[in-house]
Amino acid sequence: MSMLEEDKLKECKLIFDMFDEDKDELISIDVLGDCLRICGAAPSQQELNKIIKKYENTKEEGISFEIFIKLLEKLLINQDSEEDLIKEFMKIDHVGDGTITKSDLQNLMSNYENPLSPEEIEEIMQEVNPDENGYINIQRLVKLLLGKI
């Protein structure tokens, strides 16, 4: 059962069928990114590379519609999660420029429902690479937290 609404599912099936050049109910890995994007997903090149790597060494000659829909749903959920996280971090963006301070992030992470250890917080700090003034780009932080970097 798909989480997509019936109309969206039908639309994606039509798009999938357009990319299914030999009408074997499979699309080529080469067109997967384009098909996903037309159906509303916005996979990063890194996400797309992971998907391609996973499926290019299988015995299948392409991606079935069922697999395609599962991939699409996962990408759409991640997209929503990314947008939600950005909105939450923007609440503590006191300047309104898409950044938060290192101390704001440390405070948030240590007072979180499941607080992170000082070591985990420091590891995140090193990966997000605050600027010389200690500011952290929110979009980069969210991508890092969601494993997109």
N, C-alpha and C. Protein backbone atom coordinates (compact mmCIF):
# COMPACT_ATOMS: atom_id res chain seq x y z
N MET A 1 0.85 -1.19 0.00
CA MET A 1 0.00 0.00 0.00
C MET A 1 0.89 1.24 0.00
N SER A 2 0.57 2.16 -0.85
CA SER A 2 1.37 3.37 -0.99
C SER A 2 0.83 4.49 -0.11
N MET A 3 1.75 5.34 0.36
CA MET A 3 1.32 6.50 1.14
C MET A 3 0.88 7.64 0.22
N LEU A 4 1.14 7.50 -1.08
CA LEU A 4 0.76 8.54 -2.04
C LEU A 4 -0.74 8.48 -2.30
N GLU A 5 -1.31 9.64 -2.53
CA GLU A 5 -2.72 9.69 -2.88
C GLU A 5 -2.92 9.03 -4.24
N GLU A 6 -4.12 8.52 -4.47
CA GLU A 6 -4.41 7.78 -5.69
C GLU A 6 -4.10 8.60 -6.95
N ASP A 7 -4.46 9.88 -6.96
CA ASP A 7 -4.19 10.72 -8.13
C ASP A 7 -2.69 10.87 -8.39
N LYS A 8 -1.94 11.04 -7.32
CA LYS A 8 -0.48 11.17 -7.45
C LYS A 8 0.13 9.87 -7.94
N LEU A 9 -0.38 8.75 -7.44
CA LEU A 9 0.10 7.44 -7.85
C LEU A 9 -0.15 7.22 -9.35
N LYS A 10 -1.34 7.59 -9.81
CA LYS A 10 -1.68 7.47 -11.24
C LYS A 10 -0.76 8.36 -12.08
N GLU A 11 -0.54 9.58 -11.61
CA GLU A 11 0.34 10.51 -12.32
C GLU A 11 1.76 9.93 -12.44
N CYS A 12 2.25 9.38 -11.34
CA CYS A 12 3.59 8.79 -11.34
C CYS A 12 3.67 7.57 -12.24
N LYS A 13 2.59 6.80 -12.31
CA LYS A 13 2.56 5.63 -13.19
C LYS A 13 2.64 6.08 -14.65
N LEU A 14 1.93 7.14 -15.00
CA LEU A 14 2.00 7.66 -16.37
C LEU A 14 3.42 8.13 -16.70
N ILE A 15 4.02 8.83 -15.77
CA ILE A 15 5.39 9.31 -15.97
C ILE A 15 6.35 8.13 -16.08
N PHE A 16 6.20 7.16 -15.18
CA PHE A 16 7.02 5.95 -15.21
C PHE A 16 6.90 5.27 -16.58
N ASP A 17 5.67 5.12 -17.06
CA ASP A 17 5.43 4.46 -18.34
C ASP A 17 6.08 5.21 -19.50
N MET A 18 6.14 6.54 -19.41
CA MET A 18 6.82 7.32 -20.46
C MET A 18 8.32 7.00 -20.50
N PHE A 19 8.90 6.71 -19.36
CA PHE A 19 10.33 6.39 -19.29
C PHE A 19 10.60 4.90 -19.57
N ASP A 20 9.56 4.09 -19.56
CA ASP A 20 9.68 2.66 -19.84
C ASP A 20 9.65 2.47 -21.36
N GLU A 21 10.78 2.70 -21.99
CA GLU A 21 10.85 2.74 -23.46
C GLU A 21 10.49 1.42 -24.13
N ASP A 22 10.89 0.29 -23.56
CA ASP A 22 10.60 -0.99 -24.21
C ASP A 22 9.36 -1.68 -23.62
N LYS A 23 8.63 -0.95 -22.77
CA LYS A 23 7.35 -1.41 -22.20
C LYS A 23 7.46 -2.76 -21.51
N ASP A 24 8.56 -2.95 -20.75
CA ASP A 24 8.75 -4.20 -20.01
C ASP A 24 8.47 -4.02 -18.51
N GLU A 25 7.81 -2.89 -18.17
CA GLU A 25 7.46 -2.56 -16.77
C GLU A 25 8.69 -2.26 -15.92
N LEU A 26 9.78 -1.86 -16.56
CA LEU A 26 11.02 -1.48 -15.88
C LEU A 26 11.55 -0.20 -16.51
N ILE A 27 12.16 0.66 -15.66
CA ILE A 27 12.86 1.80 -16.22
C ILE A 27 14.36 1.61 -15.99
N SER A 28 15.12 2.20 -16.85
CA SER A 28 16.58 2.12 -16.76
C SER A 28 17.07 2.96 -15.58
N ILE A 29 18.14 2.51 -14.97
CA ILE A 29 18.77 3.27 -13.89
C ILE A 29 19.20 4.65 -14.40
N ASP A 30 19.54 4.71 -15.71
CA ASP A 30 20.00 5.96 -16.30
C ASP A 30 18.95 7.07 -16.27
N VAL A 31 17.67 6.72 -16.26
CA VAL A 31 16.60 7.73 -16.26
C VAL A 31 15.90 7.85 -14.91
N LEU A 32 16.36 7.08 -13.94
CA LEU A 32 15.72 7.07 -12.62
C LEU A 32 15.64 8.47 -12.01
N GLY A 33 16.74 9.20 -12.00
CA GLY A 33 16.76 10.54 -11.42
C GLY A 33 15.75 11.48 -12.06
N ASP A 34 15.70 11.46 -13.38
CA ASP A 34 14.74 12.32 -14.09
C ASP A 34 13.31 11.95 -13.73
N CYS A 35 13.03 10.65 -13.69
CA CYS A 35 11.68 10.18 -13.38
C CYS A 35 11.29 10.58 -11.95
N LEU A 36 12.21 10.41 -11.01
CA LEU A 36 11.94 10.80 -9.62
C LEU A 36 11.67 12.30 -9.52
N ARG A 37 12.47 13.09 -10.21
CA ARG A 37 12.31 14.56 -10.14
C ARG A 37 10.97 15.01 -10.73
N ILE A 38 10.59 14.42 -11.84
CA ILE A 38 9.32 14.80 -12.46
C ILE A 38 8.15 14.43 -11.54
N CYS A 39 8.33 13.37 -10.75
CA CYS A 39 7.27 12.96 -9.81
C CYS A 39 7.30 13.74 -8.50
N GLY A 40 8.21 14.69 -8.38
CA GLY A 40 8.18 15.58 -7.22
C GLY A 40 9.30 15.43 -6.21
N ALA A 41 10.15 14.44 -6.38
CA ALA A 41 11.27 14.26 -5.44
C ALA A 41 12.42 15.16 -5.89
N ALA A 42 13.30 15.47 -4.96
CA ALA A 42 14.46 16.29 -5.28
C ALA A 42 15.71 15.63 -4.70
N PRO A 43 16.06 14.44 -5.22
CA PRO A 43 17.23 13.76 -4.65
C PRO A 43 18.52 14.51 -4.96
N SER A 44 19.39 14.55 -3.99
CA SER A 44 20.71 15.13 -4.25
C SER A 44 21.47 14.13 -5.12
N GLN A 45 22.55 14.58 -5.72
CA GLN A 45 23.35 13.67 -6.54
C GLN A 45 23.90 12.53 -5.69
N GLN A 46 24.24 12.84 -4.44
CA GLN A 46 24.75 11.81 -3.53
C GLN A 46 23.68 10.76 -3.25
N GLU A 47 22.45 11.19 -3.00
CA GLU A 47 21.36 10.24 -2.75
C GLU A 47 21.12 9.37 -3.99
N LEU A 48 21.11 10.01 -5.13
CA LEU A 48 20.89 9.29 -6.38
C LEU A 48 22.01 8.28 -6.63
N ASN A 49 23.24 8.68 -6.36
CA ASN A 49 24.37 7.76 -6.54
C ASN A 49 24.25 6.53 -5.64
N LYS A 50 23.79 6.74 -4.39
CA LYS A 50 23.59 5.61 -3.46
C LYS A 50 22.53 4.66 -4.01
N ILE A 51 21.44 5.21 -4.52
CA ILE A 51 20.36 4.39 -5.06
C ILE A 51 20.87 3.61 -6.28
N ILE A 52 21.54 4.30 -7.17
CA ILE A 52 22.05 3.66 -8.38
C ILE A 52 23.02 2.55 -8.03
N LYS A 53 23.92 2.83 -7.10
CA LYS A 53 24.90 1.82 -6.69
C LYS A 53 24.21 0.58 -6.14
N LYS A 54 23.14 0.80 -5.38
CA LYS A 54 22.41 -0.32 -4.78
C LYS A 54 21.76 -1.21 -5.84
N TYR A 55 21.24 -0.61 -6.90
CA TYR A 55 20.47 -1.36 -7.89
C TYR A 55 21.24 -1.74 -9.15
N GLU A 56 22.38 -1.13 -9.41
CA GLU A 56 23.06 -1.43 -10.67
C GLU A 56 23.73 -2.80 -10.68
N ASN A 57 23.97 -3.36 -9.53
CA ASN A 57 24.63 -4.67 -9.47
C ASN A 57 23.66 -5.82 -9.18
N THR A 58 22.38 -5.56 -9.34
CA THR A 58 21.39 -6.62 -9.14
C THR A 58 21.14 -7.33 -10.46
N LYS A 59 20.44 -8.43 -10.40
CA LYS A 59 20.14 -9.21 -11.60
C LYS A 59 19.03 -8.55 -12.43
N GLU A 60 18.33 -7.61 -11.82
CA GLU A 60 17.24 -6.94 -12.51
C GLU A 60 17.81 -6.08 -13.65
N GLU A 61 17.02 -5.95 -14.69
CA GLU A 61 17.43 -5.14 -15.85
C GLU A 61 17.02 -3.67 -15.70
N GLY A 62 16.38 -3.34 -14.58
CA GLY A 62 15.93 -1.99 -14.36
C GLY A 62 15.19 -1.90 -13.03
N ILE A 63 14.45 -0.81 -12.89
CA ILE A 63 13.68 -0.56 -11.67
C ILE A 63 12.20 -0.74 -11.97
N SER A 64 11.53 -1.59 -11.18
CA SER A 64 10.09 -1.80 -11.36
C SER A 64 9.33 -0.61 -10.78
N PHE A 65 8.06 -0.50 -11.14
CA PHE A 65 7.23 0.58 -10.62
C PHE A 65 7.09 0.49 -9.11
N GLU A 66 6.97 -0.72 -8.59
CA GLU A 66 6.83 -0.90 -7.14
C GLU A 66 8.07 -0.37 -6.40
N ILE A 67 9.23 -0.72 -6.90
CA ILE A 67 10.49 -0.24 -6.30
C ILE A 67 10.59 1.28 -6.47
N PHE A 68 10.22 1.74 -7.64
CA PHE A 68 10.26 3.18 -7.93
C PHE A 68 9.41 3.95 -6.91
N ILE A 69 8.21 3.47 -6.64
CA ILE A 69 7.31 4.15 -5.70
C ILE A 69 7.90 4.13 -4.29
N LYS A 70 8.50 3.03 -3.89
CA LYS A 70 9.13 2.98 -2.57
C LYS A 70 10.26 4.00 -2.47
N LEU A 71 11.07 4.09 -3.52
CA LEU A 71 12.16 5.08 -3.52
C LEU A 71 11.60 6.51 -3.48
N LEU A 72 10.57 6.75 -4.28
CA LEU A 72 9.94 8.07 -4.32
C LEU A 72 9.38 8.45 -2.95
N GLU A 73 8.67 7.53 -2.31
CA GLU A 73 8.10 7.82 -1.00
C GLU A 73 9.19 8.14 0.02
N LYS A 74 10.25 7.37 0.01
CA LYS A 74 11.35 7.61 0.95
C LYS A 74 11.96 9.00 0.73
N LEU A 75 12.16 9.34 -0.52
CA LEU A 75 12.73 10.66 -0.83
C LEU A 75 11.78 11.78 -0.41
N LEU A 76 10.49 11.59 -0.64
CA LEU A 76 9.51 12.62 -0.27
C LEU A 76 9.43 12.78 1.24
N ILE A 77 9.52 11.67 1.98
CA ILE A 77 9.52 11.75 3.45
C ILE A 77 10.75 12.51 3.92
N ASN A 78 11.91 12.19 3.36
CA ASN A 78 13.15 12.89 3.72
C ASN A 78 13.06 14.37 3.40
N GLN A 79 12.43 14.70 2.26
CA GLN A 79 12.26 16.09 1.88
C GLN A 79 11.45 16.83 2.92
N ASP A 80 10.33 16.22 3.35
CA ASP A 80 9.49 16.84 4.37
C ASP A 80 10.26 17.00 5.68
N SER A 81 11.01 15.97 6.05
CA SER A 81 11.80 16.03 7.28
C SER A 81 12.81 17.16 7.22
N GLU A 82 13.44 17.32 6.08
CA GLU A 82 14.43 18.37 5.91
C GLU A 82 13.79 19.74 6.09
N GLU A 83 12.65 19.94 5.43
CA GLU A 83 11.95 21.21 5.55
C GLU A 83 11.52 21.48 6.99
N ASP A 84 11.02 20.46 7.66
CA ASP A 84 10.59 20.61 9.05
C ASP A 84 11.76 20.97 9.97
N LEU A 85 12.88 20.29 9.78
CA LEU A 85 14.07 20.59 10.60
C LEU A 85 14.56 22.01 10.36
N ILE A 86 14.58 22.43 9.11
CA ILE A 86 15.01 23.80 8.80
C ILE A 86 14.10 24.80 9.51
N LYS A 87 12.79 24.57 9.46
CA LYS A 87 11.85 25.46 10.14
C LYS A 87 12.14 25.53 11.65
N GLU A 88 12.42 24.37 12.25
CA GLU A 88 12.70 24.34 13.69
C GLU A 88 13.98 25.10 14.02
N PHE A 89 15.03 24.90 13.24
CA PHE A 89 16.28 25.62 13.51
C PHE A 89 16.13 27.12 13.24
N MET A 90 15.27 27.49 12.29
CA MET A 90 15.06 28.91 11.99
C MET A 90 14.44 29.64 13.19
N LYS A 91 13.77 28.90 14.07
CA LYS A 91 13.19 29.50 15.27
C LYS A 91 14.26 30.05 16.21
N ILE A 92 15.46 29.48 16.15
CA ILE A 92 16.54 29.99 17.01
C ILE A 92 17.57 30.78 16.21
N ASP A 93 17.21 31.12 14.97
CA ASP A 93 18.06 31.98 14.14
C ASP A 93 17.71 33.42 14.50
N HIS A 94 18.45 33.96 15.46
CA HIS A 94 18.15 35.29 16.00
C HIS A 94 18.40 36.42 15.01
N VAL A 95 19.29 36.21 14.07
CA VAL A 95 19.64 37.25 13.10
C VAL A 95 18.74 37.16 11.87
N GLY A 96 18.23 35.97 11.56
CA GLY A 96 17.38 35.80 10.39
C GLY A 96 18.15 35.61 9.10
N ASP A 97 19.40 35.16 9.21
CA ASP A 97 20.22 35.00 8.01
C ASP A 97 20.50 33.54 7.65
N GLY A 98 19.75 32.60 8.26
CA GLY A 98 19.94 31.19 7.94
C GLY A 98 21.09 30.54 8.70
N THR A 99 21.48 31.17 9.80
CA THR A 99 22.56 30.61 10.62
C THR A 99 22.14 30.60 12.09
N ILE A 100 22.80 29.74 12.84
CA ILE A 100 22.65 29.74 14.29
C ILE A 100 24.05 29.74 14.90
N THR A 101 24.13 30.16 16.13
CA THR A 101 25.44 30.18 16.78
C THR A 101 25.82 28.79 17.27
N LYS A 102 27.10 28.63 17.42
CA LYS A 102 27.63 27.37 17.95
C LYS A 102 27.04 27.11 19.34
N SER A 103 26.95 28.15 20.16
CA SER A 103 26.43 27.97 21.51
C SER A 103 24.94 27.62 21.50
N ASP A 104 24.16 28.20 20.54
CA ASP A 104 22.75 27.83 20.42
C ASP A 104 22.60 26.35 20.09
N LEU A 105 23.43 25.87 19.17
CA LEU A 105 23.36 24.47 18.79
C LEU A 105 23.77 23.57 19.95
N GLN A 106 24.82 23.95 20.66
CA GLN A 106 25.26 23.16 21.81
C GLN A 106 24.16 23.09 22.86
N ASN A 107 23.54 24.23 23.13
CA ASN A 107 22.46 24.30 24.11
C ASN A 107 21.28 23.42 23.67
N LEU A 108 20.90 23.52 22.42
CA LEU A 108 19.79 22.75 21.89
C LEU A 108 20.07 21.25 21.98
N MET A 109 21.26 20.85 21.57
CA MET A 109 21.62 19.42 21.55
C MET A 109 21.76 18.84 22.96
N SER A 110 22.18 19.64 23.90
CA SER A 110 22.35 19.10 25.26
C SER A 110 21.03 19.12 26.05
N ASN A 111 20.05 19.91 25.61
CA ASN A 111 18.75 19.95 26.27
C ASN A 111 17.67 19.23 25.48
N TYR A 112 18.08 18.54 24.46
CA TYR A 112 17.18 17.79 23.59
C TYR A 112 16.53 16.66 24.39
N GLU A 113 15.41 16.16 23.89
CA GLU A 113 14.69 15.06 24.54
C GLU A 113 15.63 13.89 24.85
N ASN A 114 16.49 13.56 23.91
CA ASN A 114 17.53 12.55 24.10
C ASN A 114 18.86 13.27 23.97
N PRO A 115 19.35 13.89 25.05
CA PRO A 115 20.53 14.74 24.94
C PRO A 115 21.75 13.99 24.41
N LEU A 116 22.53 14.73 23.64
CA LEU A 116 23.78 14.18 23.12
C LEU A 116 24.89 14.42 24.13
N SER A 117 25.86 13.55 24.09
CA SER A 117 27.02 13.71 24.97
C SER A 117 27.87 14.87 24.45
N PRO A 118 28.71 15.44 25.32
CA PRO A 118 29.60 16.51 24.87
C PRO A 118 30.48 16.06 23.70
N GLU A 119 30.88 14.79 23.69
CA GLU A 119 31.71 14.26 22.60
C GLU A 119 30.93 14.24 21.28
N GLU A 120 29.66 13.80 21.35
CA GLU A 120 28.82 13.77 20.14
C GLU A 120 28.58 15.18 19.62
N ILE A 121 28.35 16.11 20.53
CA ILE A 121 28.13 17.50 20.13
C ILE A 121 29.39 18.05 19.46
N GLU A 122 30.55 17.77 20.04
CA GLU A 122 31.80 18.26 19.46
C GLU A 122 32.04 17.66 18.08
N GLU A 123 31.68 16.40 17.89
CA GLU A 123 31.84 15.75 16.59
C GLU A 123 30.97 16.46 15.54
N ILE A 124 29.74 16.77 15.91
CA ILE A 124 28.84 17.49 15.01
C ILE A 124 29.42 18.87 14.70
N MET A 125 29.93 19.54 15.73
CA MET A 125 30.51 20.87 15.54
C MET A 125 31.65 20.84 14.51
N GLN A 126 32.49 19.84 14.61
CA GLN A 126 33.60 19.74 13.67
C GLN A 126 33.11 19.50 12.24
N GLU A 127 32.04 18.71 12.11
CA GLU A 127 31.52 18.39 10.78
C GLU A 127 30.77 19.55 10.15
N VAL A 128 30.06 20.36 10.95
CA VAL A 128 29.31 21.47 10.38
C VAL A 128 30.19 22.67 10.09
N ASN A 129 31.37 22.67 10.64
CA ASN A 129 32.37 23.68 10.33
C ASN A 129 31.85 25.12 10.49
N PRO A 130 31.66 25.56 11.74
CA PRO A 130 31.19 26.94 11.96
C PRO A 130 32.16 27.95 11.34
N ASP A 131 31.64 29.11 10.96
CA ASP A 131 32.52 30.13 10.38
C ASP A 131 33.38 30.75 11.48
N GLU A 132 34.19 31.72 11.10
CA GLU A 132 35.14 32.32 12.06
C GLU A 132 34.46 33.01 13.24
N ASN A 133 33.17 33.34 13.08
CA ASN A 133 32.42 33.97 14.16
C ASN A 133 31.60 32.97 14.97
N GLY A 134 31.74 31.69 14.65
CA GLY A 134 31.01 30.66 15.39
C GLY A 134 29.61 30.41 14.88
N TYR A 135 29.27 30.90 13.68
CA TYR A 135 27.94 30.70 13.11
C TYR A 135 27.91 29.45 12.24
N ILE A 136 26.78 28.76 12.28
CA ILE A 136 26.59 27.51 11.55
C ILE A 136 25.45 27.70 10.56
N ASN A 137 25.71 27.31 9.31
CA ASN A 137 24.69 27.37 8.27
C ASN A 137 23.63 26.30 8.55
N ILE A 138 22.38 26.72 8.68
CA ILE A 138 21.29 25.81 9.05
C ILE A 138 21.06 24.74 7.99
N GLN A 139 21.08 25.11 6.72
CA GLN A 139 20.82 24.13 5.67
C GLN A 139 21.92 23.06 5.64
N ARG A 140 23.16 23.48 5.82
CA ARG A 140 24.27 22.51 5.85
C ARG A 140 24.12 21.58 7.07
N LEU A 141 23.75 22.17 8.20
CA LEU A 141 23.56 21.39 9.42
C LEU A 141 22.48 20.32 9.23
N VAL A 142 21.35 20.71 8.66
CA VAL A 142 20.24 19.77 8.46
C VAL A 142 20.64 18.67 7.50
N LYS A 143 21.31 19.02 6.41
CA LYS A 143 21.77 18.00 5.46
C LYS A 143 22.72 17.01 6.15
N LEU A 144 23.58 17.53 7.00
CA LEU A 144 24.50 16.67 7.73
C LEU A 144 23.74 15.74 8.67
N LEU A 145 22.78 16.28 9.40
CA LEU A 145 22.01 15.49 10.35
C LEU A 145 21.18 14.41 9.65
N LEU A 146 20.76 14.68 8.42
CA LEU A 146 19.95 13.70 7.67
C LEU A 146 20.83 12.79 6.83
N GLY A 147 22.14 12.94 6.94
CA GLY A 147 23.06 12.06 6.21
C GLY A 147 23.17 12.36 4.75
N LYS A 148 22.90 13.60 4.35
CA LYS A 148 22.97 13.97 2.93
C LYS A 148 24.31 14.59 2.56
N ILE A 149 25.19 14.73 3.56
CA ILE A 149 26.53 15.26 3.28
C ILE A 149 27.52 14.19 3.63
